[in-house]
N, C-alpha and C. Protein backbone atom coordinates (compact mmCIF):
# COMPACT_ATOMS: atom_id res chain seq x y z
N MET A 1 0.67 -1.05 0.11
CA MET A 1 -0.23 0.35 -0.18
C MET A 1 0.86 1.02 0.09
N LYS A 2 1.94 1.03 0.80
CA LYS A 2 2.96 2.36 0.87
C LYS A 2 3.56 2.51 -0.59
N THR A 3 4.05 1.75 -1.03
CA THR A 3 4.47 1.89 -2.65
C THR A 3 3.54 2.33 -3.65
N ILE A 4 2.44 1.93 -3.26
CA ILE A 4 1.40 2.37 -4.34
C ILE A 4 0.99 3.82 -3.86
N PHE A 5 1.20 4.57 -2.79
CA PHE A 5 1.07 5.66 -1.89
C PHE A 5 2.19 6.60 -3.03
N LEU A 6 3.53 5.96 -2.89
CA LEU A 6 4.54 6.45 -3.08
C LEU A 6 4.24 6.92 -4.57
N ILE A 7 4.66 6.04 -5.23
CA ILE A 7 4.10 5.95 -6.67
C ILE A 7 3.33 6.65 -7.31
N LEU A 8 1.98 7.13 -6.71
CA LEU A 8 1.20 8.20 -7.24
C LEU A 8 1.50 9.16 -6.60
N LEU A 9 1.98 9.36 -5.42
CA LEU A 9 2.79 10.46 -4.62
C LEU A 9 3.69 11.18 -6.13
N THR A 10 4.68 10.22 -6.38
CA THR A 10 5.69 10.40 -7.37
C THR A 10 5.10 11.23 -8.28
N LEU A 11 4.12 10.16 -8.92
CA LEU A 11 3.36 10.73 -10.59
C LEU A 11 2.75 11.77 -9.80
N SER A 12 2.16 12.38 -9.11
CA SER A 12 1.35 13.50 -9.14
C SER A 12 2.10 14.79 -8.62
N ILE A 13 3.06 14.41 -8.13
CA ILE A 13 4.52 15.57 -7.63
C ILE A 13 5.14 15.89 -8.88
N SER A 14 5.79 15.33 -10.32
CA SER A 14 6.19 15.06 -11.13
C SER A 14 5.27 15.98 -11.97
N VAL A 15 3.87 15.93 -11.55
CA VAL A 15 2.93 16.57 -12.75
C VAL A 15 2.13 17.89 -12.19
N LEU A 16 2.35 18.01 -10.47
CA LEU A 16 1.39 18.87 -9.92
C LEU A 16 1.99 20.66 -10.05
N TYR A 17 3.43 20.72 -10.23
CA TYR A 17 3.56 21.75 -9.64
C TYR A 17 4.91 22.40 -10.38
N ALA A 18 4.24 23.25 -11.30
CA ALA A 18 5.24 24.19 -12.40
C ALA A 18 6.27 24.88 -11.97
N GLN A 19 7.41 25.13 -12.78
CA GLN A 19 8.43 25.78 -11.87
C GLN A 19 7.90 27.62 -11.90
N ASP A 20 6.71 27.81 -13.02
CA ASP A 20 6.11 29.28 -12.73
C ASP A 20 5.12 29.18 -11.68
N ALA A 21 5.26 28.24 -10.59
CA ALA A 21 4.11 28.69 -9.36
C ALA A 21 4.59 29.88 -8.62
N VAL A 22 5.52 29.83 -8.45
CA VAL A 22 5.90 31.25 -7.99
C VAL A 22 7.39 31.27 -8.69
N ASP A 23 7.90 32.58 -8.93
CA ASP A 23 8.88 32.72 -9.88
C ASP A 23 10.20 32.24 -9.11
N PRO A 24 10.81 30.68 -9.28
CA PRO A 24 11.70 30.57 -8.58
C PRO A 24 12.74 30.92 -8.96
N ASP A 25 14.11 30.43 -7.58
CA ASP A 25 15.55 31.27 -8.15
C ASP A 25 15.59 32.40 -8.64
N THR A 26 14.75 33.69 -8.02
CA THR A 26 14.87 34.78 -7.54
C THR A 26 15.57 35.34 -6.70
N ALA A 27 15.77 36.57 -6.30
CA ALA A 27 16.77 36.44 -5.11
C ALA A 27 15.51 36.22 -4.00
N LEU A 28 14.32 36.09 -3.79
CA LEU A 28 13.27 35.91 -2.97
C LEU A 28 12.93 34.66 -3.13
N TRP A 29 12.60 33.71 -4.10
CA TRP A 29 12.11 32.50 -4.49
C TRP A 29 13.25 31.55 -4.64
N HIS A 30 13.63 30.48 -3.73
CA HIS A 30 14.47 29.62 -4.77
C HIS A 30 13.89 28.10 -4.97
N THR A 31 14.89 27.23 -5.15
CA THR A 31 14.03 25.96 -5.50
C THR A 31 15.13 24.68 -4.92
N ASP A 32 16.23 25.06 -4.82
CA ASP A 32 17.29 24.53 -3.89
C ASP A 32 16.91 24.28 -2.20
N TYR A 33 16.79 23.41 -1.66
CA TYR A 33 16.33 23.33 -0.31
C TYR A 33 17.63 23.32 0.38
N GLN A 34 19.06 22.84 0.01
CA GLN A 34 20.00 22.74 0.83
C GLN A 34 20.82 24.16 0.84
N HIS A 35 20.52 25.02 -0.37
CA HIS A 35 20.76 26.62 -0.25
C HIS A 35 19.90 27.23 0.70
N ILE A 36 18.58 26.44 1.03
CA ILE A 36 17.61 27.38 1.88
C ILE A 36 17.68 27.35 3.09
N ILE A 37 18.85 25.94 3.45
CA ILE A 37 18.99 25.55 5.03
C ILE A 37 20.18 26.30 5.52
N ALA A 38 21.32 26.54 4.67
CA ALA A 38 22.38 27.37 4.65
C ALA A 38 22.28 28.90 5.05
N GLU A 39 21.32 29.22 4.20
CA GLU A 39 20.87 31.00 4.12
C GLU A 39 20.02 30.84 5.38
N SER A 40 19.04 29.92 5.69
CA SER A 40 18.11 30.32 7.03
C SER A 40 19.06 30.18 8.29
N GLN A 41 20.51 29.36 8.17
CA GLN A 41 21.14 29.26 9.17
C GLN A 41 22.09 30.40 9.07
N GLU A 42 22.35 31.13 8.04
CA GLU A 42 23.41 32.02 7.59
C GLU A 42 23.09 33.62 8.37
N ARG A 43 21.70 33.73 8.15
CA ARG A 43 20.47 35.00 8.32
C ARG A 43 19.72 35.20 9.38
N ASP A 44 20.31 33.45 10.15
CA ASP A 44 18.71 33.51 11.33
C ASP A 44 17.63 34.02 11.17
N LEU A 45 17.34 33.36 10.14
CA LEU A 45 15.53 33.64 9.66
C LEU A 45 14.94 32.03 9.31
N PRO A 46 13.64 32.42 9.63
CA PRO A 46 12.96 31.10 9.68
C PRO A 46 12.77 30.73 7.48
N ILE A 47 12.17 29.58 7.64
CA ILE A 47 12.40 29.37 5.85
C ILE A 47 10.65 29.01 5.64
N LEU A 48 10.06 29.83 4.61
CA LEU A 48 8.84 29.83 4.24
C LEU A 48 8.70 28.84 3.38
N MET A 49 8.28 27.41 3.17
CA MET A 49 8.13 26.64 2.01
C MET A 49 6.69 25.96 1.80
N VAL A 50 6.89 26.59 0.41
CA VAL A 50 5.46 26.51 -0.41
C VAL A 50 5.53 25.40 -1.24
N PHE A 51 4.33 24.30 -1.05
CA PHE A 51 3.85 23.34 -1.89
C PHE A 51 2.97 23.72 -2.60
N SER A 52 2.97 23.78 -4.11
CA SER A 52 1.91 24.20 -5.10
C SER A 52 1.82 23.77 -5.89
N GLY A 53 0.97 23.71 -6.56
CA GLY A 53 0.66 23.02 -8.30
C GLY A 53 -0.18 24.11 -9.11
N CYS A 54 1.00 24.80 -9.35
CA CYS A 54 0.76 26.20 -10.30
C CYS A 54 -0.67 26.10 -11.50
N ASP A 55 -0.40 24.66 -11.99
CA ASP A 55 -0.93 24.62 -13.31
C ASP A 55 -2.12 23.67 -13.03
N TRP A 56 -2.28 23.13 -12.20
CA TRP A 56 -3.83 22.51 -11.63
C TRP A 56 -4.29 22.94 -10.62
N CYS A 57 -3.98 23.65 -9.85
CA CYS A 57 -4.64 23.86 -8.32
C CYS A 57 -4.66 25.16 -8.10
N LYS A 58 -6.55 25.12 -8.46
CA LYS A 58 -7.19 26.67 -8.09
C LYS A 58 -6.53 27.76 -7.17
N PRO A 59 -6.60 26.78 -5.85
CA PRO A 59 -6.02 27.77 -4.97
C PRO A 59 -4.73 28.21 -4.82
N CYS A 60 -3.76 27.40 -5.04
CA CYS A 60 -2.24 27.56 -5.30
C CYS A 60 -2.25 29.01 -6.37
N ILE A 61 -2.73 28.95 -7.26
CA ILE A 61 -2.59 29.88 -8.37
C ILE A 61 -3.34 31.28 -7.86
N LYS A 62 -4.24 31.34 -7.23
CA LYS A 62 -4.95 32.45 -6.24
C LYS A 62 -3.95 32.83 -4.60
N LEU A 63 -3.15 32.14 -4.34
CA LEU A 63 -2.41 32.35 -3.14
C LEU A 63 -1.27 32.90 -3.55
N LYS A 64 -1.03 32.37 -5.05
CA LYS A 64 0.44 33.40 -5.95
C LYS A 64 0.05 34.24 -5.71
N ASN A 65 -1.15 34.82 -7.08
CA ASN A 65 -1.55 35.60 -7.34
C ASN A 65 -1.98 36.96 -6.62
N GLN A 66 -2.47 36.73 -5.33
CA GLN A 66 -3.13 37.26 -4.39
C GLN A 66 -2.38 38.10 -3.64
N ILE A 67 -1.06 36.71 -2.77
CA ILE A 67 -0.74 37.00 -1.91
C ILE A 67 0.83 36.89 -2.20
N LEU A 68 1.41 35.78 -2.43
CA LEU A 68 2.68 35.63 -2.40
C LEU A 68 3.59 36.36 -3.40
N GLU A 69 2.88 36.97 -4.71
CA GLU A 69 3.98 37.81 -5.78
C GLU A 69 3.37 39.35 -5.49
N THR A 70 2.60 39.43 -4.61
CA THR A 70 2.33 41.04 -4.17
C THR A 70 3.94 41.76 -3.83
N GLU A 71 3.74 43.07 -4.18
CA GLU A 71 5.11 43.78 -3.65
C GLU A 71 4.95 43.72 -2.22
N GLU A 72 4.18 44.21 -1.27
CA GLU A 72 3.85 44.08 -0.26
C GLU A 72 4.25 43.12 0.54
N PHE A 73 4.05 41.64 0.16
CA PHE A 73 4.56 40.32 0.86
C PHE A 73 5.82 40.16 0.20
N GLU A 74 6.43 40.17 -0.91
CA GLU A 74 7.84 40.18 -1.06
C GLU A 74 8.86 41.49 -0.49
N ASN A 75 7.98 42.80 -0.22
CA ASN A 75 9.27 43.55 0.17
C ASN A 75 9.00 42.50 1.89
N TRP A 76 8.31 42.26 2.74
CA TRP A 76 8.10 41.93 3.97
C TRP A 76 9.31 40.20 3.77
N ALA A 77 8.64 39.38 3.14
CA ALA A 77 9.79 38.16 3.06
C ALA A 77 11.05 38.13 2.68
N GLU A 78 11.44 39.54 2.48
CA GLU A 78 12.57 39.33 2.02
C GLU A 78 13.76 39.54 2.94
N THR A 79 12.94 40.63 4.02
CA THR A 79 13.67 40.48 5.28
C THR A 79 13.44 39.59 6.53
N HIS A 80 12.56 39.14 6.59
CA HIS A 80 11.94 38.35 7.50
C HIS A 80 11.84 36.81 7.82
N THR A 81 12.15 35.95 6.34
CA THR A 81 12.32 35.00 5.93
C THR A 81 13.05 34.27 4.76
N VAL A 82 13.52 33.21 4.26
CA VAL A 82 13.98 32.63 3.10
C VAL A 82 13.07 31.57 2.90
N CYS A 83 12.82 31.73 1.31
CA CYS A 83 11.49 31.38 0.92
C CYS A 83 12.54 29.84 0.01
N ILE A 84 11.37 29.16 -0.35
CA ILE A 84 11.51 28.13 -1.39
C ILE A 84 9.90 27.62 -1.66
N VAL A 85 10.26 27.17 -3.31
CA VAL A 85 8.99 26.81 -3.91
C VAL A 85 9.30 25.76 -4.36
N LEU A 86 8.29 24.28 -3.81
CA LEU A 86 8.38 23.21 -4.36
C LEU A 86 7.07 22.88 -5.57
N ASN A 87 7.44 22.74 -6.55
CA ASN A 87 6.86 23.04 -7.55
C ASN A 87 6.16 21.21 -8.12
N PHE A 88 5.36 21.20 -8.35
CA PHE A 88 4.58 19.80 -8.55
C PHE A 88 3.60 19.92 -9.62
N PRO A 89 4.40 20.34 -11.59
CA PRO A 89 3.11 20.22 -12.04
C PRO A 89 2.67 19.12 -12.56
N SER A 90 1.51 19.70 -13.67
CA SER A 90 0.80 18.58 -13.91
C SER A 90 1.24 18.01 -15.25
N SER A 91 1.72 19.46 -16.65
CA SER A 91 1.75 19.31 -17.45
C SER A 91 3.01 19.35 -18.08
N LYS A 92 3.44 18.70 -19.03
CA LYS A 92 4.84 18.07 -19.68
C LYS A 92 5.74 19.66 -19.83
N LYS A 93 5.20 20.79 -20.36
CA LYS A 93 5.77 22.04 -20.82
C LYS A 93 6.30 22.85 -19.07
N HIS A 94 5.73 21.95 -18.08
CA HIS A 94 6.29 22.74 -17.08
C HIS A 94 7.40 21.45 -16.38
N ALA A 95 7.47 20.57 -16.91
CA ALA A 95 8.07 19.78 -16.47
C ALA A 95 9.50 19.83 -15.78
N LEU A 96 9.80 19.09 -14.13
CA LEU A 96 11.09 19.75 -13.53
C LEU A 96 11.89 18.70 -14.01
N SER A 97 13.70 19.00 -13.64
CA SER A 97 14.40 18.23 -13.93
C SER A 97 14.24 17.09 -12.75
N LYS A 98 14.97 15.87 -13.51
CA LYS A 98 14.81 14.74 -12.63
C LYS A 98 15.45 14.72 -11.31
N GLU A 99 16.42 15.94 -11.31
CA GLU A 99 17.31 16.20 -9.68
C GLU A 99 16.16 16.77 -8.93
N GLN A 100 15.14 17.98 -9.53
CA GLN A 100 14.54 18.90 -9.01
C GLN A 100 13.20 18.24 -8.57
N THR A 101 12.89 17.23 -9.12
CA THR A 101 11.44 16.35 -9.03
C THR A 101 11.95 15.25 -8.05
N GLU A 102 13.11 14.76 -7.40
CA GLU A 102 13.77 13.79 -6.89
C GLU A 102 13.62 14.36 -5.51
N GLN A 103 14.14 16.02 -5.63
CA GLN A 103 14.16 16.37 -4.35
C GLN A 103 13.19 17.34 -4.01
N ASN A 104 11.82 17.91 -4.60
CA ASN A 104 10.42 17.65 -4.24
C ASN A 104 9.97 16.62 -3.50
N GLU A 105 9.78 15.40 -4.24
CA GLU A 105 9.36 14.11 -3.67
C GLU A 105 9.42 13.79 -2.21
N ALA A 106 11.09 14.07 -2.09
CA ALA A 106 11.71 13.90 -0.91
C ALA A 106 10.80 14.97 0.32
N LEU A 107 10.90 15.71 -0.12
CA LEU A 107 10.67 17.17 1.09
C LEU A 107 8.90 16.71 0.66
N ALA A 108 8.08 16.69 0.20
CA ALA A 108 7.00 16.41 0.20
C ALA A 108 6.61 15.10 0.92
N GLU A 109 7.54 13.87 0.99
CA GLU A 109 7.50 12.88 1.57
C GLU A 109 7.63 13.18 3.05
N ARG A 110 8.47 13.65 3.72
CA ARG A 110 8.92 14.52 4.54
C ARG A 110 8.08 15.40 5.28
N PHE A 111 7.82 16.47 4.81
CA PHE A 111 6.86 17.60 5.22
C PHE A 111 5.44 17.58 4.47
N ASN A 112 4.98 16.83 3.44
CA ASN A 112 3.55 16.96 3.27
C ASN A 112 3.09 15.60 2.78
N LYS A 113 3.28 14.72 3.65
CA LYS A 113 2.79 13.44 3.64
C LYS A 113 1.45 13.00 3.09
N CYS A 114 0.25 14.09 3.18
CA CYS A 114 -1.10 14.41 3.12
C CYS A 114 -0.86 15.10 1.85
N GLY A 115 -0.17 15.40 1.31
CA GLY A 115 -0.32 16.20 -0.31
C GLY A 115 -1.31 17.22 -0.05
N ILE A 116 -1.17 18.07 0.82
CA ILE A 116 -1.87 18.98 0.78
C ILE A 116 -1.62 20.13 -0.26
N PHE A 117 -2.78 20.58 -0.81
CA PHE A 117 -2.04 21.74 -1.73
C PHE A 117 -2.81 22.79 -1.59
N PRO A 118 -2.61 24.36 -1.56
CA PRO A 118 -1.38 24.49 -1.47
C PRO A 118 -0.65 24.36 0.10
N LEU A 119 0.08 24.69 0.37
CA LEU A 119 0.42 24.29 2.00
C LEU A 119 1.86 25.11 2.04
N VAL A 120 1.50 26.09 3.22
CA VAL A 120 2.67 26.99 3.33
C VAL A 120 3.19 26.64 4.41
N LEU A 121 4.51 26.19 5.07
CA LEU A 121 4.94 25.61 5.69
C LEU A 121 6.08 26.88 6.54
N ILE A 122 6.23 26.85 8.18
CA ILE A 122 6.85 27.75 8.07
C ILE A 122 8.10 26.99 9.73
N LEU A 123 9.51 26.78 8.82
CA LEU A 123 10.74 26.19 9.81
C LEU A 123 11.54 26.95 10.32
N ASN A 124 12.12 26.39 11.16
CA ASN A 124 12.87 27.06 11.78
C ASN A 124 14.55 26.63 11.04
N SER A 125 15.66 27.19 11.52
CA SER A 125 16.62 26.94 10.75
C SER A 125 17.30 25.35 11.06
N ASP A 126 16.66 24.82 11.98
CA ASP A 126 17.03 23.61 12.74
C ASP A 126 15.70 22.29 11.76
N GLU A 127 15.10 23.22 10.57
CA GLU A 127 14.56 22.14 9.82
C GLU A 127 12.90 21.44 10.64
N GLU A 128 12.77 21.97 11.86
CA GLU A 128 11.68 21.95 12.60
C GLU A 128 10.43 22.99 12.38
N ILE A 129 9.05 22.19 11.92
CA ILE A 129 7.74 23.09 11.61
C ILE A 129 7.56 23.46 12.49
N LEU A 130 7.87 24.71 12.62
CA LEU A 130 6.72 26.13 13.28
C LEU A 130 5.29 26.22 13.29
N GLY A 131 4.82 25.91 11.64
CA GLY A 131 3.20 25.92 12.26
C GLY A 131 3.39 25.86 10.14
N ASN A 132 1.79 26.45 9.99
CA ASN A 132 1.56 25.67 8.41
C ASN A 132 0.07 27.08 7.93
N LEU A 133 0.20 27.42 6.76
CA LEU A 133 -0.81 28.09 6.24
C LEU A 133 -1.49 27.23 5.33
N GLY A 134 -2.75 27.59 4.53
CA GLY A 134 -3.08 27.36 3.64
C GLY A 134 -3.40 28.60 2.63
N TYR A 135 -3.89 28.34 1.34
CA TYR A 135 -4.81 29.69 1.14
C TYR A 135 -6.04 30.12 1.65
N GLU A 136 -5.68 31.29 1.96
CA GLU A 136 -7.42 32.03 2.64
C GLU A 136 -7.59 33.19 2.06
N ASP A 137 -8.55 33.63 2.02
CA ASP A 137 -9.20 34.76 1.11
C ASP A 137 -8.97 36.02 2.27
N ILE A 138 -7.48 36.61 2.33
CA ILE A 138 -7.56 37.46 3.11
C ILE A 138 -6.48 38.77 2.58
N SER A 139 -6.34 39.65 3.13
CA SER A 139 -5.23 40.80 2.90
C SER A 139 -3.83 39.92 3.12
N VAL A 140 -3.12 40.81 2.47
CA VAL A 140 -1.52 40.12 2.28
C VAL A 140 -1.49 40.43 3.99
N ALA A 141 -1.66 41.78 4.41
CA ALA A 141 -1.52 42.40 5.59
C ALA A 141 -1.70 40.99 6.21
N GLU A 142 -2.93 40.79 6.74
CA GLU A 142 -3.40 39.55 7.68
C GLU A 142 -2.87 38.30 7.14
N TYR A 143 -2.33 37.76 6.21
CA TYR A 143 -1.36 36.69 5.88
C TYR A 143 -0.25 36.71 6.58
N ILE A 144 0.31 38.04 6.19
CA ILE A 144 1.74 38.39 7.10
C ILE A 144 1.95 37.95 8.79
N ALA A 145 0.78 38.59 8.85
CA ALA A 145 0.41 38.84 10.36
C ALA A 145 -0.05 37.26 10.76
N LYS A 146 -0.75 36.47 10.27
CA LYS A 146 -0.93 35.15 10.33
C LYS A 146 0.83 34.05 10.52
N ILE A 147 1.98 34.48 9.60
CA ILE A 147 2.83 33.84 9.40
C ILE A 147 3.91 34.77 10.73
N GLU A 148 3.48 36.03 11.12
CA GLU A 148 4.56 36.44 12.23
C GLU A 148 4.18 35.75 13.55
N GLU A 149 2.83 35.69 13.24
CA GLU A 149 2.38 34.93 14.31
C GLU A 149 2.75 33.29 14.73
N ILE A 150 2.77 32.69 13.85
CA ILE A 150 3.85 31.36 13.99
C ILE A 150 4.87 31.35 13.99
N ILE A 151 6.10 32.28 13.24
CA ILE A 151 7.23 32.49 14.02
C ILE A 151 7.37 33.19 15.44
N ASN A 152 6.47 34.11 15.62
CA ASN A 152 6.66 34.72 17.10
C ASN A 152 6.20 33.49 18.21
N GLN A 153 5.36 32.56 17.96
CA GLN A 153 5.49 31.77 18.91
C GLN A 153 6.09 31.13 19.95
């Protein structure tokens, strides 16, 4: 049963989230987990990890457009977190590299076993989950306040 689940999860993950869910590998959004861990420890900042399916998950698309890619959120996140997006595309045109797919699947197995999309995790630099959020139809300021509440608990 676990093997079937892992196969389905692998297929889903490799098809679930495209690289353009959030603009990866910009100054804010990254796709390399080891880089994020190092940056989190170096800057003493929490990690904002986003599991998303940008080409199939409507709440993921709303989260991206209404919160994550707004100037207000990006300005806040630059100085308060280090950000990683874990893409799981469904279309071939958004296919990830083998290495990226393997990394994302391993992180999903570790941090998102239930396959929740979108899922925003806040981790400390020791990779411990502090809390999580999904998509909520609230203002950017309210979303930031919820993240800050998790970070400051």
